Amino acid sequence: MEQTTKMICITCPKGCTVDVTHDGATVLRTNAGCKRGTEYIKKELSDPRRMVASTVRIRGAIHPLLPVHTAAPFPKPRLIDLMAELRSIEVHAPVKMGQVILENALETGIDIIASRDMERIR
């Protein structure tokens, strides 16, 4: 069933409002201002993904929480499950920036990475 949806392209800082006529995930027409916008709209309709930045608990460090992020955009429908998984994680200091905190999160092939160093307190 053909329908028209207004979307905001987040590919660049311009943030174009795009009218998309689509049948499910199939784009029929769009008024995107550039190729990147058209590709973003196609991906957003078929497999929306987001980068995630959050925290996990850490023991033995100066701060109680360690900032982490996804190594790649994560499937949007599974974000709530990912956040629940992150709430259950506790790591021990020391941790180095770039260290994998959770490998293959929710079997998506996407790792959760430490966003900063966190030294052990004495």
PDB file of N, CA and C in Angstrom:
ATOM      1  N   MET A   1       0.835  -1.177   0.000  1.00  0.00           N
ATOM      2  CA  MET A   1       0.000   0.000   0.000  1.00  0.00           C
ATOM      3  C   MET A   1       0.884   1.245   0.000  1.00  0.00           C
ATOM      4  N   GLU A   2       0.718   2.060  -0.964  1.00  0.00           N
ATOM      5  CA  GLU A   2       1.526   3.269  -1.128  1.00  0.00           C
ATOM      6  C   GLU A   2       1.150   4.304  -0.073  1.00  0.00           C
ATOM      7  N   GLN A   3       2.182   4.881   0.563  1.00  0.00           N
ATOM      8  CA  GLN A   3       1.940   5.949   1.532  1.00  0.00           C
ATOM      9  C   GLN A   3       3.060   6.969   1.479  1.00  0.00           C
ATOM     10  N   THR A   4       2.768   8.169   1.937  1.00  0.00           N
ATOM     11  CA  THR A   4       3.761   9.237   1.960  1.00  0.00           C
ATOM     12  C   THR A   4       4.088   9.571   3.407  1.00  0.00           C
ATOM     13  N   THR A   5       5.366   9.679   3.700  1.00  0.00           N
ATOM     14  CA  THR A   5       5.844   9.955   5.040  1.00  0.00           C
ATOM     15  C   THR A   5       6.823  11.116   4.987  1.00  0.00           C
ATOM     16  N   LYS A   6       6.771  11.986   5.983  1.00  0.00           N
ATOM     17  CA  LYS A   6       7.771  13.042   6.121  1.00  0.00           C
ATOM     18  C   LYS A   6       8.867  12.515   7.029  1.00  0.00           C
ATOM     19  N   MET A   7      10.110  12.640   6.598  1.00  0.00           N
ATOM     20  CA  MET A   7      11.255  12.204   7.392  1.00  0.00           C
ATOM     21  C   MET A   7      12.284  13.319   7.417  1.00  0.00           C
ATOM     22  N   ILE A   8      13.103  13.318   8.445  1.00  0.00           N
ATOM     23  CA  ILE A   8      14.204  14.268   8.521  1.00  0.00           C
ATOM     24  C   ILE A   8      15.490  13.495   8.307  1.00  0.00           C
ATOM     25  N   CYS A   9      16.230  13.892   7.309  1.00  0.00           N
ATOM     26  CA  CYS A   9      17.504  13.247   7.000  1.00  0.00           C
ATOM     27  C   CYS A   9      18.543  13.732   8.007  1.00  0.00           C
ATOM     28  N   ILE A  10      19.247  12.804   8.633  1.00  0.00           N
ATOM     29  CA  ILE A  10      20.270  13.170   9.623  1.00  0.00           C
ATOM     30  C   ILE A  10      21.679  12.853   9.121  1.00  0.00           C
ATOM     31  N   THR A  11      21.824  12.707   7.816  1.00  0.00           N
ATOM     32  CA  THR A  11      23.129  12.380   7.241  1.00  0.00           C
ATOM     33  C   THR A  11      24.127  13.514   7.430  1.00  0.00           C
ATOM     34  N   CYS A  12      23.649  14.746   7.328  1.00  0.00           N
ATOM     35  CA  CYS A  12      24.543  15.894   7.510  1.00  0.00           C
ATOM     36  C   CYS A  12      23.860  16.912   8.427  1.00  0.00           C
ATOM     37  N   PRO A  13      24.555  17.952   8.834  1.00  0.00           N
ATOM     38  CA  PRO A  13      23.968  18.948   9.743  1.00  0.00           C
ATOM     39  C   PRO A  13      22.804  19.751   9.153  1.00  0.00           C
ATOM     40  N   LYS A  14      22.628  19.710   7.858  1.00  0.00           N
ATOM     41  CA  LYS A  14      21.557  20.478   7.219  1.00  0.00           C
ATOM     42  C   LYS A  14      20.170  20.020   7.685  1.00  0.00           C
ATOM     43  N   GLY A  15      19.966  18.725   7.890  1.00  0.00           N
ATOM     44  CA  GLY A  15      18.710  18.186   8.407  1.00  0.00           C
ATOM     45  C   GLY A  15      17.520  18.430   7.510  1.00  0.00           C
ATOM     46  N   CYS A  16      17.603  18.025   6.261  1.00  0.00           N
ATOM     47  CA  CYS A  16      16.534  18.246   5.289  1.00  0.00           C
ATOM     48  C   CYS A  16      15.265  17.475   5.668  1.00  0.00           C
ATOM     49  N   THR A  17      14.116  18.117   5.480  1.00  0.00           N
ATOM     50  CA  THR A  17      12.840  17.427   5.597  1.00  0.00           C
ATOM     51  C   THR A  17      12.542  16.815   4.233  1.00  0.00           C
ATOM     52  N   VAL A  18      12.286  15.516   4.230  1.00  0.00           N
ATOM     53  CA  VAL A  18      12.114  14.782   2.982  1.00  0.00           C
ATOM     54  C   VAL A  18      10.734  14.134   2.964  1.00  0.00           C
ATOM     55  N   ASP A  19      10.001  14.347   1.868  1.00  0.00           N
ATOM     56  CA  ASP A  19       8.734  13.650   1.648  1.00  0.00           C
ATOM     57  C   ASP A  19       9.051  12.366   0.889  1.00  0.00           C
ATOM     58  N   VAL A  20       8.670  11.236   1.465  1.00  0.00           N
ATOM     59  CA  VAL A  20       8.982   9.936   0.873  1.00  0.00           C
ATOM     60  C   VAL A  20       7.685   9.205   0.573  1.00  0.00           C
ATOM     61  N   THR A  21       7.503   8.821  -0.654  1.00  0.00           N
ATOM     62  CA  THR A  21       6.384   7.960  -1.033  1.00  0.00           C
ATOM     63  C   THR A  21       6.949   6.554  -1.124  1.00  0.00           C
ATOM     64  N   HIS A  22       6.360   5.638  -0.360  1.00  0.00           N
ATOM     65  CA  HIS A  22       6.914   4.280  -0.295  1.00  0.00           C
ATOM     66  C   HIS A  22       5.810   3.255  -0.163  1.00  0.00           C
ATOM     67  N   ASP A  23       6.158   2.048  -0.521  1.00  0.00           N
ATOM     68  CA  ASP A  23       5.297   0.891  -0.338  1.00  0.00           C
ATOM     69  C   ASP A  23       6.058  -0.041   0.586  1.00  0.00           C
ATOM     70  N   GLY A  24       5.769   0.025   1.878  1.00  0.00           N
ATOM     71  CA  GLY A  24       6.550  -0.714   2.865  1.00  0.00           C
ATOM     72  C   GLY A  24       7.950  -0.135   2.918  1.00  0.00           C
ATOM     73  N   ALA A  25       8.958  -0.971   2.674  1.00  0.00           N
ATOM     74  CA  ALA A  25      10.348  -0.515   2.687  1.00  0.00           C
ATOM     75  C   ALA A  25      10.849  -0.126   1.301  1.00  0.00           C
ATOM     76  N   THR A  26       9.987  -0.207   0.285  1.00  0.00           N
ATOM     77  CA  THR A  26      10.378   0.138  -1.074  1.00  0.00           C
ATOM     78  C   THR A  26      10.082   1.604  -1.342  1.00  0.00           C
ATOM     79  N   VAL A  27      11.132   2.382  -1.610  1.00  0.00           N
ATOM     80  CA  VAL A  27      10.978   3.808  -1.895  1.00  0.00           C
ATOM     81  C   VAL A  27      10.525   3.970  -3.341  1.00  0.00           C
ATOM     82  N   LEU A  28       9.392   4.661  -3.531  1.00  0.00           N
ATOM     83  CA  LEU A  28       8.866   4.911  -4.868  1.00  0.00           C
ATOM     84  C   LEU A  28       9.296   6.287  -5.374  1.00  0.00           C
ATOM     85  N   ARG A  29       9.150   7.304  -4.520  1.00  0.00           N
ATOM     86  CA  ARG A  29       9.551   8.676  -4.867  1.00  0.00           C
ATOM     87  C   ARG A  29      10.059   9.375  -3.621  1.00  0.00           C
ATOM     88  N   THR A  30      10.992  10.300  -3.835  1.00  0.00           N
ATOM     89  CA  THR A  30      11.503  11.093  -2.736  1.00  0.00           C
ATOM     90  C   THR A  30      11.960  12.446  -3.261  1.00  0.00           C
ATOM     91  N   ASN A  31      11.937  13.438  -2.411  1.00  0.00           N
ATOM     92  CA  ASN A  31      12.436  14.749  -2.809  1.00  0.00           C
ATOM     93  C   ASN A  31      13.729  15.078  -2.046  1.00  0.00           C
ATOM     94  N   ALA A  32      14.503  14.048  -1.725  1.00  0.00           N
ATOM     95  CA  ALA A  32      15.771  14.250  -1.016  1.00  0.00           C
ATOM     96  C   ALA A  32      16.673  15.165  -1.830  1.00  0.00           C
ATOM     97  N   GLY A  33      17.413  16.008  -1.123  1.00  0.00           N
ATOM     98  CA  GLY A  33      18.258  16.997  -1.786  1.00  0.00           C
ATOM     99  C   GLY A  33      19.556  16.443  -2.330  1.00  0.00           C
ATOM    100  N   CYS A  34      19.928  15.224  -1.943  1.00  0.00           N
ATOM    101  CA  CYS A  34      21.202  14.674  -2.416  1.00  0.00           C
ATOM    102  C   CYS A  34      21.148  13.148  -2.402  1.00  0.00           C
ATOM    103  N   LYS A  35      22.185  12.516  -2.986  1.00  0.00           N
ATOM    104  CA  LYS A  35      22.268  11.044  -3.025  1.00  0.00           C
ATOM    105  C   LYS A  35      22.353  10.455  -1.627  1.00  0.00           C
ATOM    106  N   ARG A  36      23.122  11.122  -0.747  1.00  0.00           N
ATOM    107  CA  ARG A  36      23.273  10.610   0.614  1.00  0.00           C
ATOM    108  C   ARG A  36      21.922  10.572   1.320  1.00  0.00           C
ATOM    109  N   GLY A  37      21.100  11.572   1.078  1.00  0.00           N
ATOM    110  CA  GLY A  37      19.769  11.606   1.678  1.00  0.00           C
ATOM    111  C   GLY A  37      18.898  10.475   1.181  1.00  0.00           C
ATOM    112  N   THR A  38      18.968  10.209  -0.109  1.00  0.00           N
ATOM    113  CA  THR A  38      18.188   9.118  -0.692  1.00  0.00           C
ATOM    114  C   THR A  38      18.617   7.780  -0.097  1.00  0.00           C
ATOM    115  N   GLU A  39      19.917   7.561   0.032  1.00  0.00           N
ATOM    116  CA  GLU A  39      20.416   6.310   0.628  1.00  0.00           C
ATOM    117  C   GLU A  39      20.012   6.198   2.087  1.00  0.00           C
ATOM    118  N   TYR A  40      20.083   7.309   2.827  1.00  0.00           N
ATOM    119  CA  TYR A  40      19.674   7.299   4.232  1.00  0.00           C
ATOM    120  C   TYR A  40      18.202   6.894   4.359  1.00  0.00           C
ATOM    121  N   ILE A  41      17.352   7.482   3.530  1.00  0.00           N
ATOM    122  CA  ILE A  41      15.914   7.183   3.579  1.00  0.00           C
ATOM    123  C   ILE A  41      15.663   5.706   3.298  1.00  0.00           C
ATOM    124  N   LYS A  42      16.339   5.154   2.292  1.00  0.00           N
ATOM    125  CA  LYS A  42      16.171   3.728   1.970  1.00  0.00           C
ATOM    126  C   LYS A  42      16.556   2.853   3.150  1.00  0.00           C
ATOM    127  N   LYS A  43      17.697   3.148   3.766  1.00  0.00           N
ATOM    128  CA  LYS A  43      18.152   2.357   4.916  1.00  0.00           C
ATOM    129  C   LYS A  43      17.224   2.539   6.111  1.00  0.00           C
ATOM    130  N   GLU A  44      16.760   3.758   6.321  1.00  0.00           N
ATOM    131  CA  GLU A  44      15.887   4.046   7.461  1.00  0.00           C
ATOM    132  C   GLU A  44      14.567   3.284   7.356  1.00  0.00           C
ATOM    133  N   LEU A  45      14.057   3.131   6.156  1.00  0.00           N
ATOM    134  CA  LEU A  45      12.805   2.392   5.972  1.00  0.00           C
ATOM    135  C   LEU A  45      12.992   0.885   6.098  1.00  0.00           C
ATOM    136  N   SER A  46      14.130   0.367   5.647  1.00  0.00           N
ATOM    137  CA  SER A  46      14.323  -1.089   5.640  1.00  0.00           C
ATOM    138  C   SER A  46      15.017  -1.619   6.892  1.00  0.00           C
ATOM    139  N   ASP A  47      15.996  -0.884   7.415  1.00  0.00           N
ATOM    140  CA  ASP A  47      16.766  -1.368   8.567  1.00  0.00           C
ATOM    141  C   ASP A  47      17.296  -0.178   9.366  1.00  0.00           C
ATOM    142  N   PRO A  48      16.432   0.481  10.153  1.00  0.00           N
ATOM    143  CA  PRO A  48      16.894   1.655  10.909  1.00  0.00           C
ATOM    144  C   PRO A  48      17.921   1.270  11.966  1.00  0.00           C
ATOM    145  N   ARG A  49      18.985   2.053  12.054  1.00  0.00           N
ATOM    146  CA  ARG A  49      20.057   1.805  13.018  1.00  0.00           C
ATOM    147  C   ARG A  49      20.479   3.107  13.671  1.00  0.00           C
ATOM    148  N   ARG A  50      21.026   2.995  14.881  1.00  0.00           N
ATOM    149  CA  ARG A  50      21.502   4.158  15.620  1.00  0.00           C
ATOM    150  C   ARG A  50      22.803   3.826  16.342  1.00  0.00           C
ATOM    151  N   MET A  51      23.665   4.825  16.446  1.00  0.00           N
ATOM    152  CA  MET A  51      24.828   4.700  17.316  1.00  0.00           C
ATOM    153  C   MET A  51      24.316   4.868  18.743  1.00  0.00           C
ATOM    154  N   VAL A  52      24.902   4.149  19.675  1.00  0.00           N
ATOM    155  CA  VAL A  52      24.469   4.209  21.068  1.00  0.00           C
ATOM    156  C   VAL A  52      25.653   4.602  21.936  1.00  0.00           C
ATOM    157  N   ALA A  53      25.442   5.577  22.801  1.00  0.00           N
ATOM    158  CA  ALA A  53      26.420   5.951  23.816  1.00  0.00           C
ATOM    159  C   ALA A  53      25.720   5.795  25.160  1.00  0.00           C
ATOM    160  N   SER A  54      26.366   5.104  26.093  1.00  0.00           N
ATOM    161  CA  SER A  54      25.750   4.838  27.388  1.00  0.00           C
ATOM    162  C   SER A  54      26.848   4.651  28.429  1.00  0.00           C
ATOM    163  N   THR A  55      26.497   4.028  29.544  1.00  0.00           N
ATOM    164  CA  THR A  55      27.466   3.731  30.592  1.00  0.00           C
ATOM    165  C   THR A  55      27.223   2.325  31.130  1.00  0.00           C
ATOM    166  N   VAL A  56      28.274   1.758  31.714  1.00  0.00           N
ATOM    167  CA  VAL A  56      28.166   0.500  32.464  1.00  0.00           C
ATOM    168  C   VAL A  56      28.829   0.730  33.819  1.00  0.00           C
ATOM    169  N   ARG A  57      28.451  -0.065  34.795  1.00  0.00           N
ATOM    170  CA  ARG A  57      29.058   0.055  36.123  1.00  0.00           C
ATOM    171  C   ARG A  57      30.499  -0.436  36.083  1.00  0.00           C
ATOM    172  N   ILE A  58      31.318   0.209  36.907  1.00  0.00           N
ATOM    173  CA  ILE A  58      32.717  -0.197  37.012  1.00  0.00           C
ATOM    174  C   ILE A  58      33.108  -0.202  38.485  1.00  0.00           C
ATOM    175  N   ARG A  59      33.839  -1.218  38.905  1.00  0.00           N
ATOM    176  CA  ARG A  59      34.326  -1.332  40.284  1.00  0.00           C
ATOM    177  C   ARG A  59      35.810  -1.014  40.333  1.00  0.00           C
ATOM    178  N   GLY A  60      36.215  -0.415  41.441  1.00  0.00           N
ATOM    179  CA  GLY A  60      37.631  -0.150  41.676  1.00  0.00           C
ATOM    180  C   GLY A  60      38.165   1.044  40.909  1.00  0.00           C
ATOM    181  N   ALA A  61      37.296   1.937  40.482  1.00  0.00           N
ATOM    182  CA  ALA A  61      37.719   3.116  39.727  1.00  0.00           C
ATOM    183  C   ALA A  61      37.259   4.380  40.449  1.00  0.00           C
ATOM    184  N   ILE A  62      37.790   5.510  40.032  1.00  0.00           N
ATOM    185  CA  ILE A  62      37.431   6.778  40.666  1.00  0.00           C
ATOM    186  C   ILE A  62      35.973   7.147  40.434  1.00  0.00           C
ATOM    187  N   HIS A  63      35.416   6.724  39.312  1.00  0.00           N
ATOM    188  CA  HIS A  63      34.013   6.979  38.989  1.00  0.00           C
ATOM    189  C   HIS A  63      33.229   5.671  39.036  1.00  0.00           C
ATOM    190  N   PRO A  64      31.940   5.730  39.337  1.00  0.00           N
ATOM    191  CA  PRO A  64      31.147   4.497  39.409  1.00  0.00           C
ATOM    192  C   PRO A  64      30.658   3.988  38.046  1.00  0.00           C
ATOM    193  N   LEU A  65      30.733   4.843  37.020  1.00  0.00           N
ATOM    194  CA  LEU A  65      30.245   4.455  35.699  1.00  0.00           C
ATOM    195  C   LEU A  65      31.316   4.679  34.643  1.00  0.00           C
ATOM    196  N   LEU A  66      31.362   3.783  33.681  1.00  0.00           N
ATOM    197  CA  LEU A  66      32.301   3.852  32.559  1.00  0.00           C
ATOM    198  C   LEU A  66      31.519   4.178  31.297  1.00  0.00           C
ATOM    199  N   PRO A  67      31.883   5.256  30.579  1.00  0.00           N
ATOM    200  CA  PRO A  67      31.189   5.538  29.322  1.00  0.00           C
ATOM    201  C   PRO A  67      31.571   4.526  28.244  1.00  0.00           C
ATOM    202  N   VAL A  68      30.572   4.092  27.489  1.00  0.00           N
ATOM    203  CA  VAL A  68      30.773   3.112  26.417  1.00  0.00           C
ATOM    204  C   VAL A  68      29.973   3.545  25.185  1.00  0.00           C
ATOM    205  N   HIS A  69      30.302   2.953  24.037  1.00  0.00           N
ATOM    206  CA  HIS A  69      29.551   3.217  22.807  1.00  0.00           C
ATOM    207  C   HIS A  69      29.580   1.978  21.920  1.00  0.00           C
ATOM    208  N   THR A  70      28.674   1.955  20.963  1.00  0.00           N
ATOM    209  CA  THR A  70      28.655   0.845  20.018  1.00  0.00           C
ATOM    210  C   THR A  70      29.733   1.068  18.964  1.00  0.00           C
ATOM    211  N   ALA A  71      30.313  -0.011  18.485  1.00  0.00           N
ATOM    212  CA  ALA A  71      31.358   0.074  17.462  1.00  0.00           C
ATOM    213  C   ALA A  71      30.776   0.396  16.088  1.00  0.00           C
ATOM    214  N   ALA A  72      29.484   0.179  15.922  1.00  0.00           N
ATOM    215  CA  ALA A  72      28.794   0.434  14.650  1.00  0.00           C
ATOM    216  C   ALA A  72      27.330   0.741  14.975  1.00  0.00           C
ATOM    217  N   PRO A  73      26.588   1.301  14.039  1.00  0.00           N
ATOM    218  CA  PRO A  73      25.171   1.554  14.292  1.00  0.00           C
ATOM    219  C   PRO A  73      24.433   0.258  14.649  1.00  0.00           C
ATOM    220  N   PHE A  74      23.575   0.352  15.661  1.00  0.00           N
ATOM    221  CA  PHE A  74      22.869  -0.800  16.219  1.00  0.00           C
ATOM    222  C   PHE A  74      21.424  -0.814  15.722  1.00  0.00           C
ATOM    223  N   PRO A  75      20.839  -1.991  15.483  1.00  0.00           N
ATOM    224  CA  PRO A  75      19.449  -2.062  15.006  1.00  0.00           C
ATOM    225  C   PRO A  75      18.488  -1.367  15.981  1.00  0.00           C
ATOM    226  N   LYS A  76      17.759  -0.399  15.484  1.00  0.00           N
ATOM    227  CA  LYS A  76      16.869   0.412  16.313  1.00  0.00           C
ATOM    228  C   LYS A  76      15.819  -0.408  17.077  1.00  0.00           C
ATOM    229  N   PRO A  77      15.200  -1.432  16.489  1.00  0.00           N
ATOM    230  CA  PRO A  77      14.196  -2.194  17.246  1.00  0.00           C
ATOM    231  C   PRO A  77      14.771  -2.938  18.451  1.00  0.00           C
ATOM    232  N   ARG A  78      16.091  -3.101  18.518  1.00  0.00           N
ATOM    233  CA  ARG A  78      16.707  -3.858  19.616  1.00  0.00           C
ATOM    234  C   ARG A  78      17.380  -2.968  20.657  1.00  0.00           C
ATOM    235  N   LEU A  79      17.174  -1.641  20.561  1.00  0.00           N
ATOM    236  CA  LEU A  79      17.833  -0.721  21.484  1.00  0.00           C
ATOM    237  C   LEU A  79      17.427  -0.939  22.942  1.00  0.00           C
ATOM    238  N   ILE A  80      16.167  -1.201  23.195  1.00  0.00           N
ATOM    239  CA  ILE A  80      15.712  -1.419  24.577  1.00  0.00           C
ATOM    240  C   ILE A  80      16.379  -2.658  25.154  1.00  0.00           C
ATOM    241  N   ASP A  81      16.495  -3.717  24.361  1.00  0.00           N
ATOM    242  CA  ASP A  81      17.181  -4.933  24.820  1.00  0.00           C
ATOM    243  C   ASP A  81      18.656  -4.656  25.096  1.00  0.00           C
ATOM    244  N   LEU A  82      19.281  -3.851  24.240  1.00  0.00           N
ATOM    245  CA  LEU A  82      20.687  -3.503  24.450  1.00  0.00           C
ATOM    246  C   LEU A  82      20.860  -2.736  25.751  1.00  0.00           C
ATOM    247  N   MET A  83      19.995  -1.767  26.011  1.00  0.00           N
ATOM    248  CA  MET A  83      20.114  -0.979  27.238  1.00  0.00           C
ATOM    249  C   MET A  83      19.928  -1.863  28.472  1.00  0.00           C
ATOM    250  N   ALA A  84      19.027  -2.828  28.412  1.00  0.00           N
ATOM    251  CA  ALA A  84      18.837  -3.767  29.525  1.00  0.00           C
ATOM    252  C   ALA A  84      20.108  -4.587  29.735  1.00  0.00           C
ATOM    253  N   GLU A  85      20.724  -5.008  28.646  1.00  0.00           N
ATOM    254  CA  GLU A  85      21.975  -5.771  28.735  1.00  0.00           C
ATOM    255  C   GLU A  85      23.079  -4.917  29.358  1.00  0.00           C
ATOM    256  N   LEU A  86      23.186  -3.663  28.955  1.00  0.00           N
ATOM    257  CA  LEU A  86      24.219  -2.780  29.500  1.00  0.00           C
ATOM    258  C   LEU A  86      24.009  -2.535  30.991  1.00  0.00           C
ATOM    259  N   ARG A  87      22.751  -2.462  31.438  1.00  0.00           N
ATOM    260  CA  ARG A  87      22.476  -2.279  32.868  1.00  0.00           C
ATOM    261  C   ARG A  87      22.971  -3.460  33.691  1.00  0.00           C
ATOM    262  N   SER A  88      23.066  -4.635  33.101  1.00  0.00           N
ATOM    263  CA  SER A  88      23.472  -5.835  33.841  1.00  0.00           C
ATOM    264  C   SER A  88      24.994  -6.026  33.883  1.00  0.00           C
ATOM    265  N   ILE A  89      25.735  -5.191  33.163  1.00  0.00           N
ATOM    266  CA  ILE A  89      27.186  -5.365  33.064  1.00  0.00           C
ATOM    267  C   ILE A  89      27.906  -4.591  34.161  1.00  0.00           C
ATOM    268  N   GLU A  90      28.913  -5.244  34.737  1.00  0.00           N
ATOM    269  CA  GLU A  90      29.809  -4.559  35.670  1.00  0.00           C
ATOM    270  C   GLU A  90      31.228  -4.994  35.326  1.00  0.00           C
ATOM    271  N   VAL A  91      32.104  -4.036  35.107  1.00  0.00           N
ATOM    272  CA  VAL A  91      33.498  -4.324  34.786  1.00  0.00           C
ATOM    273  C   VAL A  91      34.370  -3.899  35.946  1.00  0.00           C
ATOM    274  N   HIS A  92      35.624  -4.332  35.920  1.00  0.00           N
ATOM    275  CA  HIS A  92      36.575  -3.980  36.971  1.00  0.00           C
ATOM    276  C   HIS A  92      37.710  -3.166  36.377  1.00  0.00           C
ATOM    277  N   ALA A  93      38.097  -2.127  37.088  1.00  0.00           N
ATOM    278  CA  ALA A  93      39.211  -1.283  36.652  1.00  0.00           C
ATOM    279  C   ALA A  93      40.501  -2.081  36.769  1.00  0.00           C
ATOM    280  N   PRO A  94      41.492  -1.788  35.946  1.00  0.00           N
ATOM    281  CA  PRO A  94      41.583  -0.710  34.971  1.00  0.00           C
ATOM    282  C   PRO A  94      40.970  -1.101  33.623  1.00  0.00           C
ATOM    283  N   VAL A  95      40.530  -0.067  32.905  1.00  0.00           N
ATOM    284  CA  VAL A  95      39.973  -0.233  31.560  1.00  0.00           C
ATOM    285  C   VAL A  95      40.639   0.805  30.668  1.00  0.00           C
ATOM    286  N   LYS A  96      40.962   0.416  29.463  1.00  0.00           N
ATOM    287  CA  LYS A  96      41.584   1.330  28.495  1.00  0.00           C
ATOM    288  C   LYS A  96      40.561   1.746  27.443  1.00  0.00           C
ATOM    289  N   MET A  97      40.653   2.991  26.988  1.00  0.00           N
ATOM    290  CA  MET A  97      39.785   3.471  25.925  1.00  0.00           C
ATOM    291  C   MET A  97      39.952   2.569  24.699  1.00  0.00           C
ATOM    292  N   GLY A  98      38.850   2.181  24.088  1.00  0.00           N
ATOM    293  CA  GLY A  98      38.885   1.306  22.927  1.00  0.00           C
ATOM    294  C   GLY A  98      38.782  -0.166  23.275  1.00  0.00           C
ATOM    295  N   GLN A  99      38.869  -0.490  24.554  1.00  0.00           N
ATOM    296  CA  GLN A  99      38.757  -1.884  24.988  1.00  0.00           C
ATOM    297  C   GLN A  99      37.333  -2.387  24.775  1.00  0.00           C
ATOM    298  N   VAL A 100      37.198  -3.616  24.291  1.00  0.00           N
ATOM    299  CA  VAL A 100      35.873  -4.214  24.095  1.00  0.00           C
ATOM    300  C   VAL A 100      35.313  -4.594  25.466  1.00  0.00           C
ATOM    301  N   ILE A 101      34.163  -4.049  25.785  1.00  0.00           N
ATOM    302  CA  ILE A 101      33.497  -4.322  27.058  1.00  0.00           C
ATOM    303  C   ILE A 101      32.506  -5.468  26.900  1.00  0.00           C
ATOM    304  N   LEU A 102      31.810  -5.488  25.768  1.00  0.00           N
ATOM    305  CA  LEU A 102      30.862  -6.560  25.465  1.00  0.00           C
ATOM    306  C   LEU A 102      31.029  -6.917  24.000  1.00  0.00           C
ATOM    307  N   GLU A 103      31.450  -8.137  23.746  1.00  0.00           N
ATOM    308  CA  GLU A 103      31.656  -8.595  22.379  1.00  0.00           C
ATOM    309  C   GLU A 103      30.355  -9.150  21.811  1.00  0.00           C
ATOM    310  N   ASN A 104      30.061  -8.812  20.562  1.00  0.00           N
ATOM    311  CA  ASN A 104      28.907  -9.359  19.852  1.00  0.00           C
ATOM    312  C   ASN A 104      27.606  -9.148  20.629  1.00  0.00           C
ATOM    313  N   ALA A 105      27.310  -7.914  20.955  1.00  0.00           N
ATOM    314  CA  ALA A 105      26.134  -7.584  21.761  1.00  0.00           C
ATOM    315  C   ALA A 105      24.856  -8.122  21.124  1.00  0.00           C
ATOM    316  N   LEU A 106      24.112  -8.880  21.890  1.00  0.00           N
ATOM    317  CA  LEU A 106      22.849  -9.486  21.455  1.00  0.00           C
ATOM    318  C   LEU A 106      22.987 -10.244  20.134  1.00  0.00           C
ATOM    319  N   GLU A 107      24.164 -10.802  19.904  1.00  0.00           N
ATOM    320  CA  GLU A 107      24.464 -11.595  18.707  1.00  0.00           C
ATOM    321  C   GLU A 107      24.237 -10.811  17.409  1.00  0.00           C
ATOM    322  N   THR A 108      24.567  -9.511  17.442  1.00  0.00           N
ATOM    323  CA  THR A 108      24.432  -8.671  16.256  1.00  0.00           C
ATOM    324  C   THR A 108      25.759  -8.505  15.529  1.00  0.00           C
ATOM    325  N   GLY A 109      26.845  -8.949  16.170  1.00  0.00           N
ATOM    326  CA  GLY A 109      28.171  -8.745  15.599  1.00  0.00           C
ATOM    327  C   GLY A 109      28.748  -7.387  15.936  1.00  0.00           C
ATOM    328  N   ILE A 110      28.043  -6.610  16.748  1.00  0.00           N
ATOM    329  CA  ILE A 110      28.480  -5.260  17.113  1.00  0.00           C
ATOM    330  C   ILE A 110      29.002  -5.275  18.544  1.00  0.00           C
ATOM    331  N   ASP A 111      30.215  -4.769  18.716  1.00  0.00           N
ATOM    332  CA  ASP A 111      30.843  -4.728  20.035  1.00  0.00           C
ATOM    333  C   ASP A 111      30.496  -3.435  20.764  1.00  0.00           C
ATOM    334  N   ILE A 112      30.552  -3.512  22.098  1.00  0.00           N
ATOM    335  CA  ILE A 112      30.428  -2.329  22.954  1.00  0.00           C
ATOM    336  C   ILE A 112      31.840  -1.982  23.406  1.00  0.00           C
ATOM    337  N   ILE A 113      32.233  -0.728  23.201  1.00  0.00           N
ATOM    338  CA  ILE A 113      33.611  -0.276  23.381  1.00  0.00           C
ATOM    339  C   ILE A 113      33.686   0.771  24.495  1.00  0.00           C
ATOM    340  N   ALA A 114      34.748   0.721  25.311  1.00  0.00           N
ATOM    341  CA  ALA A 114      34.991   1.742  26.332  1.00  0.00           C
ATOM    342  C   ALA A 114      35.355   3.063  25.648  1.00  0.00           C
ATOM    343  N   SER A 115      34.750   4.156  26.138  1.00  0.00           N
ATOM    344  CA  SER A 115      34.985   5.474  25.542  1.00  0.00           C
ATOM    345  C   SER A 115      36.098   6.259  26.219  1.00  0.00           C
ATOM    346  N   ARG A 116      36.627   5.736  27.327  1.00  0.00           N
ATOM    347  CA  ARG A 116      37.730   6.429  28.006  1.00  0.00           C
ATOM    348  C   ARG A 116      38.528   5.447  28.855  1.00  0.00           C
ATOM    349  N   ASP A 117      39.718   5.868  29.235  1.00  0.00           N
ATOM    350  CA  ASP A 117      40.511   5.106  30.192  1.00  0.00           C
ATOM    351  C   ASP A 117      39.889   5.264  31.564  1.00  0.00           C
ATOM    352  N   MET A 118      40.002   4.223  32.394  1.00  0.00           N
ATOM    353  CA  MET A 118      39.572   4.313  33.775  1.00  0.00           C
ATOM    354  C   MET A 118      40.572   3.523  34.604  1.00  0.00           C
ATOM    355  N   GLU A 119      41.397   4.245  35.333  1.00  0.00           N
ATOM    356  CA  GLU A 119      42.439   3.615  36.153  1.00  0.00           C
ATOM    357  C   GLU A 119      41.852   3.042  37.428  1.00  0.00           C
ATOM    358  N   ARG A 120      42.570   2.089  37.998  1.00  0.00           N
ATOM    359  CA  ARG A 120      42.180   1.486  39.259  1.00  0.00           C
ATOM    360  C   ARG A 120      42.588   2.433  40.390  1.00  0.00           C
ATOM    361  N   ILE A 121      41.709   2.605  41.374  1.00  0.00           N
ATOM    362  CA  ILE A 121      42.090   3.417  42.536  1.00  0.00           C
ATOM    363  C   ILE A 121      42.772   2.516  43.544  1.00  0.00           C
ATOM    364  N   ARG A 122      43.635   3.101  44.303  1.00  0.00           N
ATOM    365  CA  ARG A 122      44.387   2.311  45.301  1.00  0.00           C
ATOM    366  C   ARG A 122      43.770   2.410  46.658  1.00  0.00           C
TER     367      ARG A 122
END
